[in-house]
Amino acid sequence: MSRIFTTSVSSVYPHYQAKLERKGRTKAELDEAIEWLTGFDDEALERHLEAGTTFEEFFEQATLNPNATLITGLVCGVRVEEVEDPLMRKIRYLDKLVDELARGKAMEKVLRG
């Protein structure tokens, strides 16, 4: 089991936010991407962050977007679509969305719209 599975989303979220803000993106855009991927609206996301929900619990409770499988490419040198562990693949989907936002990709493209 990877250590990230038992890491709280709230401990990583500020790093996602800081990365995006350095690139001129907003917390609202981060939250929109998370909602698209997981189905968690702002209120639900805030509850998870306050509760210290682990990535494992977070994705267990999420309703993954059916278009999430369209998220492809490299994250940390690993092809997202080739990650075998289902939970790790979901975490990598989130990482990839954050990376795409940070690179300035249009929100419509990030959300596979």
N, C-alpha and C. Protein backbone atom coordinates (compact mmCIF):
# COMPACT_ATOMS: atom_id res chain seq x y z
N MET A 1 0.84 -1.18 0.00
CA MET A 1 0.00 0.00 0.00
C MET A 1 0.89 1.24 0.00
N SER A 2 0.58 2.16 -0.87
CA SER A 2 1.35 3.39 -0.97
C SER A 2 1.02 4.33 0.19
N ARG A 3 2.00 5.06 0.63
CA ARG A 3 1.81 6.00 1.74
C ARG A 3 0.79 7.08 1.42
N ILE A 4 0.68 7.45 0.13
CA ILE A 4 -0.26 8.51 -0.26
C ILE A 4 -1.70 8.10 0.03
N PHE A 5 -2.00 6.81 0.04
CA PHE A 5 -3.36 6.34 0.28
C PHE A 5 -3.86 6.78 1.65
N THR A 6 -2.97 6.80 2.64
CA THR A 6 -3.36 7.14 4.00
C THR A 6 -3.02 8.60 4.36
N THR A 7 -2.59 9.34 3.37
CA THR A 7 -2.31 10.76 3.56
C THR A 7 -3.62 11.53 3.44
N SER A 8 -3.79 12.54 4.27
CA SER A 8 -5.03 13.32 4.20
C SER A 8 -5.00 14.24 2.98
N VAL A 9 -6.15 14.37 2.36
CA VAL A 9 -6.30 15.27 1.22
C VAL A 9 -5.98 16.70 1.67
N SER A 10 -6.37 17.03 2.91
CA SER A 10 -6.15 18.39 3.41
C SER A 10 -4.67 18.73 3.55
N SER A 11 -3.81 17.73 3.66
CA SER A 11 -2.38 18.02 3.76
C SER A 11 -1.75 18.28 2.39
N VAL A 12 -2.40 17.83 1.33
CA VAL A 12 -1.87 18.01 -0.02
C VAL A 12 -2.56 19.18 -0.73
N TYR A 13 -3.82 19.41 -0.40
CA TYR A 13 -4.61 20.46 -1.05
C TYR A 13 -3.89 21.82 -1.07
N PRO A 14 -3.30 22.29 0.04
CA PRO A 14 -2.61 23.59 -0.01
C PRO A 14 -1.46 23.62 -1.02
N HIS A 15 -0.83 22.47 -1.25
CA HIS A 15 0.25 22.40 -2.24
C HIS A 15 -0.30 22.54 -3.66
N TYR A 16 -1.44 21.87 -3.91
CA TYR A 16 -2.12 22.04 -5.21
C TYR A 16 -2.47 23.52 -5.41
N GLN A 17 -3.08 24.10 -4.38
CA GLN A 17 -3.53 25.49 -4.46
C GLN A 17 -2.35 26.44 -4.70
N ALA A 18 -1.27 26.26 -3.96
CA ALA A 18 -0.10 27.13 -4.12
C ALA A 18 0.50 26.99 -5.51
N LYS A 19 0.57 25.77 -6.00
CA LYS A 19 1.12 25.53 -7.34
C LYS A 19 0.31 26.29 -8.39
N LEU A 20 -1.00 26.22 -8.26
CA LEU A 20 -1.86 26.88 -9.24
C LEU A 20 -1.81 28.40 -9.11
N GLU A 21 -1.80 28.89 -7.87
CA GLU A 21 -1.77 30.34 -7.67
C GLU A 21 -0.47 30.95 -8.18
N ARG A 22 0.65 30.20 -8.07
CA ARG A 22 1.92 30.68 -8.63
C ARG A 22 1.83 30.84 -10.15
N LYS A 23 0.94 30.08 -10.76
CA LYS A 23 0.78 30.11 -12.22
C LYS A 23 -0.41 30.97 -12.65
N GLY A 24 -0.97 31.72 -11.69
CA GLY A 24 -2.06 32.63 -12.03
C GLY A 24 -3.45 31.99 -12.05
N ARG A 25 -3.55 30.79 -11.55
CA ARG A 25 -4.85 30.13 -11.49
C ARG A 25 -5.43 30.32 -10.08
N THR A 26 -6.70 29.98 -9.91
CA THR A 26 -7.39 30.28 -8.66
C THR A 26 -7.80 29.02 -7.90
N LYS A 27 -8.10 29.21 -6.62
CA LYS A 27 -8.65 28.15 -5.78
C LYS A 27 -9.97 27.67 -6.37
N ALA A 28 -10.77 28.59 -6.91
CA ALA A 28 -12.06 28.23 -7.51
C ALA A 28 -11.86 27.27 -8.69
N GLU A 29 -10.80 27.49 -9.47
CA GLU A 29 -10.52 26.59 -10.59
C GLU A 29 -10.09 25.21 -10.09
N LEU A 30 -9.29 25.19 -9.04
CA LEU A 30 -8.90 23.92 -8.43
C LEU A 30 -10.14 23.18 -7.95
N ASP A 31 -11.00 23.87 -7.23
CA ASP A 31 -12.21 23.25 -6.70
C ASP A 31 -13.13 22.76 -7.82
N GLU A 32 -13.19 23.52 -8.91
CA GLU A 32 -14.01 23.10 -10.06
C GLU A 32 -13.47 21.80 -10.67
N ALA A 33 -12.17 21.70 -10.79
CA ALA A 33 -11.56 20.47 -11.33
C ALA A 33 -11.82 19.29 -10.39
N ILE A 34 -11.69 19.52 -9.08
CA ILE A 34 -11.95 18.44 -8.12
C ILE A 34 -13.41 18.02 -8.17
N GLU A 35 -14.32 19.00 -8.28
CA GLU A 35 -15.74 18.66 -8.38
C GLU A 35 -16.02 17.86 -9.64
N TRP A 36 -15.42 18.25 -10.75
CA TRP A 36 -15.63 17.52 -11.99
C TRP A 36 -15.18 16.06 -11.84
N LEU A 37 -14.02 15.87 -11.23
CA LEU A 37 -13.46 14.52 -11.09
C LEU A 37 -14.23 13.68 -10.08
N THR A 38 -14.58 14.27 -8.94
CA THR A 38 -15.11 13.48 -7.81
C THR A 38 -16.60 13.61 -7.57
N GLY A 39 -17.21 14.68 -8.07
CA GLY A 39 -18.61 14.94 -7.79
C GLY A 39 -18.82 15.71 -6.49
N PHE A 40 -17.75 16.03 -5.76
CA PHE A 40 -17.88 16.77 -4.50
C PHE A 40 -18.02 18.26 -4.78
N ASP A 41 -19.15 18.85 -4.36
CA ASP A 41 -19.31 20.30 -4.49
C ASP A 41 -18.45 21.00 -3.44
N ASP A 42 -18.49 22.32 -3.42
CA ASP A 42 -17.63 23.08 -2.50
C ASP A 42 -17.86 22.68 -1.05
N GLU A 43 -19.13 22.49 -0.68
CA GLU A 43 -19.46 22.14 0.70
C GLU A 43 -18.91 20.76 1.07
N ALA A 44 -19.10 19.80 0.19
CA ALA A 44 -18.61 18.43 0.45
C ALA A 44 -17.08 18.41 0.51
N LEU A 45 -16.44 19.14 -0.41
CA LEU A 45 -14.98 19.20 -0.42
C LEU A 45 -14.48 19.80 0.89
N GLU A 46 -15.11 20.87 1.33
CA GLU A 46 -14.71 21.52 2.58
C GLU A 46 -14.86 20.57 3.76
N ARG A 47 -15.92 19.78 3.78
CA ARG A 47 -16.11 18.79 4.86
C ARG A 47 -14.97 17.78 4.87
N HIS A 48 -14.58 17.31 3.70
CA HIS A 48 -13.47 16.35 3.61
C HIS A 48 -12.17 16.96 4.09
N LEU A 49 -11.94 18.22 3.70
CA LEU A 49 -10.70 18.88 4.11
C LEU A 49 -10.67 19.09 5.62
N GLU A 50 -11.78 19.49 6.19
CA GLU A 50 -11.85 19.71 7.64
C GLU A 50 -11.74 18.41 8.43
N ALA A 51 -12.28 17.33 7.86
CA ALA A 51 -12.29 16.04 8.56
C ALA A 51 -10.95 15.31 8.46
N GLY A 52 -10.06 15.76 7.60
CA GLY A 52 -8.79 15.07 7.44
C GLY A 52 -8.93 13.75 6.69
N THR A 53 -9.90 13.68 5.79
CA THR A 53 -10.16 12.48 5.00
C THR A 53 -8.91 12.05 4.24
N THR A 54 -8.60 10.77 4.28
CA THR A 54 -7.45 10.25 3.53
C THR A 54 -7.82 10.15 2.05
N PHE A 55 -6.81 10.04 1.21
CA PHE A 55 -7.09 9.86 -0.22
C PHE A 55 -7.91 8.60 -0.46
N GLU A 56 -7.62 7.55 0.29
CA GLU A 56 -8.38 6.31 0.14
C GLU A 56 -9.86 6.55 0.44
N GLU A 57 -10.17 7.20 1.55
CA GLU A 57 -11.56 7.48 1.93
C GLU A 57 -12.20 8.47 0.94
N PHE A 58 -11.43 9.45 0.52
CA PHE A 58 -11.90 10.48 -0.39
C PHE A 58 -12.42 9.86 -1.69
N PHE A 59 -11.61 9.00 -2.28
CA PHE A 59 -12.01 8.41 -3.55
C PHE A 59 -13.01 7.27 -3.38
N GLU A 60 -13.06 6.63 -2.20
CA GLU A 60 -14.12 5.65 -1.93
C GLU A 60 -15.48 6.32 -1.96
N GLN A 61 -15.55 7.55 -1.46
CA GLN A 61 -16.82 8.27 -1.36
C GLN A 61 -17.14 9.08 -2.61
N ALA A 62 -16.18 9.21 -3.50
CA ALA A 62 -16.37 10.00 -4.71
C ALA A 62 -17.18 9.24 -5.76
N THR A 63 -17.86 10.01 -6.59
CA THR A 63 -18.50 9.46 -7.78
C THR A 63 -17.65 9.95 -8.95
N LEU A 64 -16.75 9.10 -9.39
CA LEU A 64 -15.79 9.49 -10.40
C LEU A 64 -16.50 9.84 -11.71
N ASN A 65 -16.09 10.94 -12.31
CA ASN A 65 -16.66 11.37 -13.58
C ASN A 65 -16.42 10.28 -14.63
N PRO A 66 -17.46 9.92 -15.40
CA PRO A 66 -17.28 8.88 -16.42
C PRO A 66 -16.22 9.23 -17.46
N ASN A 67 -15.95 10.51 -17.65
CA ASN A 67 -14.93 10.93 -18.62
C ASN A 67 -13.53 10.97 -18.02
N ALA A 68 -13.38 10.56 -16.77
CA ALA A 68 -12.05 10.56 -16.15
C ALA A 68 -11.08 9.67 -16.92
N THR A 69 -11.59 8.64 -17.56
CA THR A 69 -10.70 7.75 -18.32
C THR A 69 -10.08 8.46 -19.52
N LEU A 70 -10.59 9.64 -19.86
CA LEU A 70 -10.00 10.43 -20.95
C LEU A 70 -8.74 11.17 -20.50
N ILE A 71 -8.48 11.14 -19.20
CA ILE A 71 -7.27 11.79 -18.66
C ILE A 71 -6.09 10.86 -18.94
N THR A 72 -5.20 11.34 -19.78
CA THR A 72 -4.03 10.54 -20.16
C THR A 72 -2.79 11.41 -20.10
N GLY A 73 -1.66 10.77 -20.19
CA GLY A 73 -0.40 11.51 -20.20
C GLY A 73 0.47 11.13 -19.03
N LEU A 74 1.55 11.87 -18.88
CA LEU A 74 2.56 11.57 -17.87
C LEU A 74 2.38 12.40 -16.62
N VAL A 75 2.53 11.76 -15.48
CA VAL A 75 2.63 12.42 -14.17
C VAL A 75 3.80 11.75 -13.47
N CYS A 76 4.78 12.55 -13.13
CA CYS A 76 5.99 12.01 -12.48
C CYS A 76 6.61 10.89 -13.29
N GLY A 77 6.59 11.03 -14.61
CA GLY A 77 7.22 10.05 -15.49
C GLY A 77 6.44 8.76 -15.69
N VAL A 78 5.21 8.71 -15.18
CA VAL A 78 4.38 7.51 -15.30
C VAL A 78 3.13 7.86 -16.10
N ARG A 79 2.78 7.02 -17.07
CA ARG A 79 1.56 7.23 -17.84
C ARG A 79 0.35 6.94 -16.96
N VAL A 80 -0.51 7.93 -16.81
CA VAL A 80 -1.69 7.81 -15.96
C VAL A 80 -2.55 6.62 -16.36
N GLU A 81 -2.75 6.47 -17.64
CA GLU A 81 -3.62 5.40 -18.13
C GLU A 81 -3.04 4.00 -17.92
N GLU A 82 -1.77 3.90 -17.58
CA GLU A 82 -1.13 2.60 -17.36
C GLU A 82 -0.97 2.24 -15.89
N VAL A 83 -1.39 3.13 -14.99
CA VAL A 83 -1.30 2.84 -13.55
C VAL A 83 -2.28 1.72 -13.23
N GLU A 84 -1.77 0.62 -12.69
CA GLU A 84 -2.61 -0.56 -12.46
C GLU A 84 -3.52 -0.45 -11.25
N ASP A 85 -3.02 0.10 -10.16
CA ASP A 85 -3.84 0.20 -8.95
C ASP A 85 -4.93 1.25 -9.16
N PRO A 86 -6.20 0.86 -9.01
CA PRO A 86 -7.31 1.80 -9.27
C PRO A 86 -7.26 3.07 -8.41
N LEU A 87 -6.91 2.94 -7.15
CA LEU A 87 -6.84 4.12 -6.29
C LEU A 87 -5.70 5.04 -6.72
N MET A 88 -4.55 4.47 -6.99
CA MET A 88 -3.42 5.27 -7.43
C MET A 88 -3.74 5.98 -8.75
N ARG A 89 -4.46 5.30 -9.64
CA ARG A 89 -4.84 5.92 -10.92
C ARG A 89 -5.74 7.13 -10.67
N LYS A 90 -6.67 7.04 -9.72
CA LYS A 90 -7.55 8.17 -9.40
C LYS A 90 -6.75 9.34 -8.83
N ILE A 91 -5.80 9.03 -7.98
CA ILE A 91 -4.95 10.08 -7.42
C ILE A 91 -4.14 10.74 -8.54
N ARG A 92 -3.64 9.94 -9.46
CA ARG A 92 -2.88 10.47 -10.60
C ARG A 92 -3.77 11.29 -11.53
N TYR A 93 -5.05 10.91 -11.66
CA TYR A 93 -5.99 11.74 -12.43
C TYR A 93 -6.03 13.14 -11.84
N LEU A 94 -6.16 13.21 -10.52
CA LEU A 94 -6.21 14.51 -9.85
C LEU A 94 -4.90 15.27 -10.07
N ASP A 95 -3.78 14.60 -9.92
CA ASP A 95 -2.48 15.24 -10.15
C ASP A 95 -2.39 15.79 -11.58
N LYS A 96 -2.87 15.02 -12.53
CA LYS A 96 -2.81 15.43 -13.93
C LYS A 96 -3.67 16.65 -14.18
N LEU A 97 -4.87 16.70 -13.58
CA LEU A 97 -5.72 17.87 -13.74
C LEU A 97 -5.03 19.12 -13.19
N VAL A 98 -4.41 18.98 -12.04
CA VAL A 98 -3.69 20.11 -11.43
C VAL A 98 -2.53 20.53 -12.34
N ASP A 99 -1.80 19.58 -12.87
CA ASP A 99 -0.69 19.89 -13.77
C ASP A 99 -1.18 20.65 -15.01
N GLU A 100 -2.27 20.19 -15.58
CA GLU A 100 -2.80 20.84 -16.78
C GLU A 100 -3.25 22.27 -16.49
N LEU A 101 -3.90 22.47 -15.35
CA LEU A 101 -4.28 23.84 -14.97
C LEU A 101 -3.04 24.71 -14.80
N ALA A 102 -2.03 24.17 -14.14
CA ALA A 102 -0.80 24.93 -13.90
C ALA A 102 -0.10 25.29 -15.21
N ARG A 103 -0.26 24.48 -16.21
CA ARG A 103 0.37 24.75 -17.50
C ARG A 103 -0.43 25.73 -18.35
N GLY A 104 -1.58 26.17 -17.81
CA GLY A 104 -2.37 27.18 -18.51
C GLY A 104 -3.40 26.62 -19.48
N LYS A 105 -3.63 25.34 -19.41
CA LYS A 105 -4.63 24.73 -20.28
C LYS A 105 -6.02 25.30 -19.97
N ALA A 106 -6.82 25.50 -21.00
CA ALA A 106 -8.17 26.04 -20.82
C ALA A 106 -9.02 25.06 -19.99
N MET A 107 -9.85 25.61 -19.12
CA MET A 107 -10.67 24.79 -18.23
C MET A 107 -11.54 23.78 -19.02
N GLU A 108 -12.08 24.19 -20.15
CA GLU A 108 -12.91 23.28 -20.95
C GLU A 108 -12.12 22.04 -21.37
N LYS A 109 -10.85 22.24 -21.70
CA LYS A 109 -10.01 21.11 -22.10
C LYS A 109 -9.60 20.28 -20.91
N VAL A 110 -9.30 20.93 -19.78
CA VAL A 110 -8.93 20.21 -18.57
C VAL A 110 -10.08 19.28 -18.15
N LEU A 111 -11.31 19.80 -18.27
CA LEU A 111 -12.49 19.03 -17.85
C LEU A 111 -13.03 18.13 -18.96
N ARG A 112 -12.22 17.93 -19.99
CA ARG A 112 -12.59 17.04 -21.09
C ARG A 112 -13.96 17.36 -21.64
N GLY A 113 -14.24 18.67 -21.80
CA GLY A 113 -15.56 19.11 -22.26
C GLY A 113 -15.57 19.36 -23.67
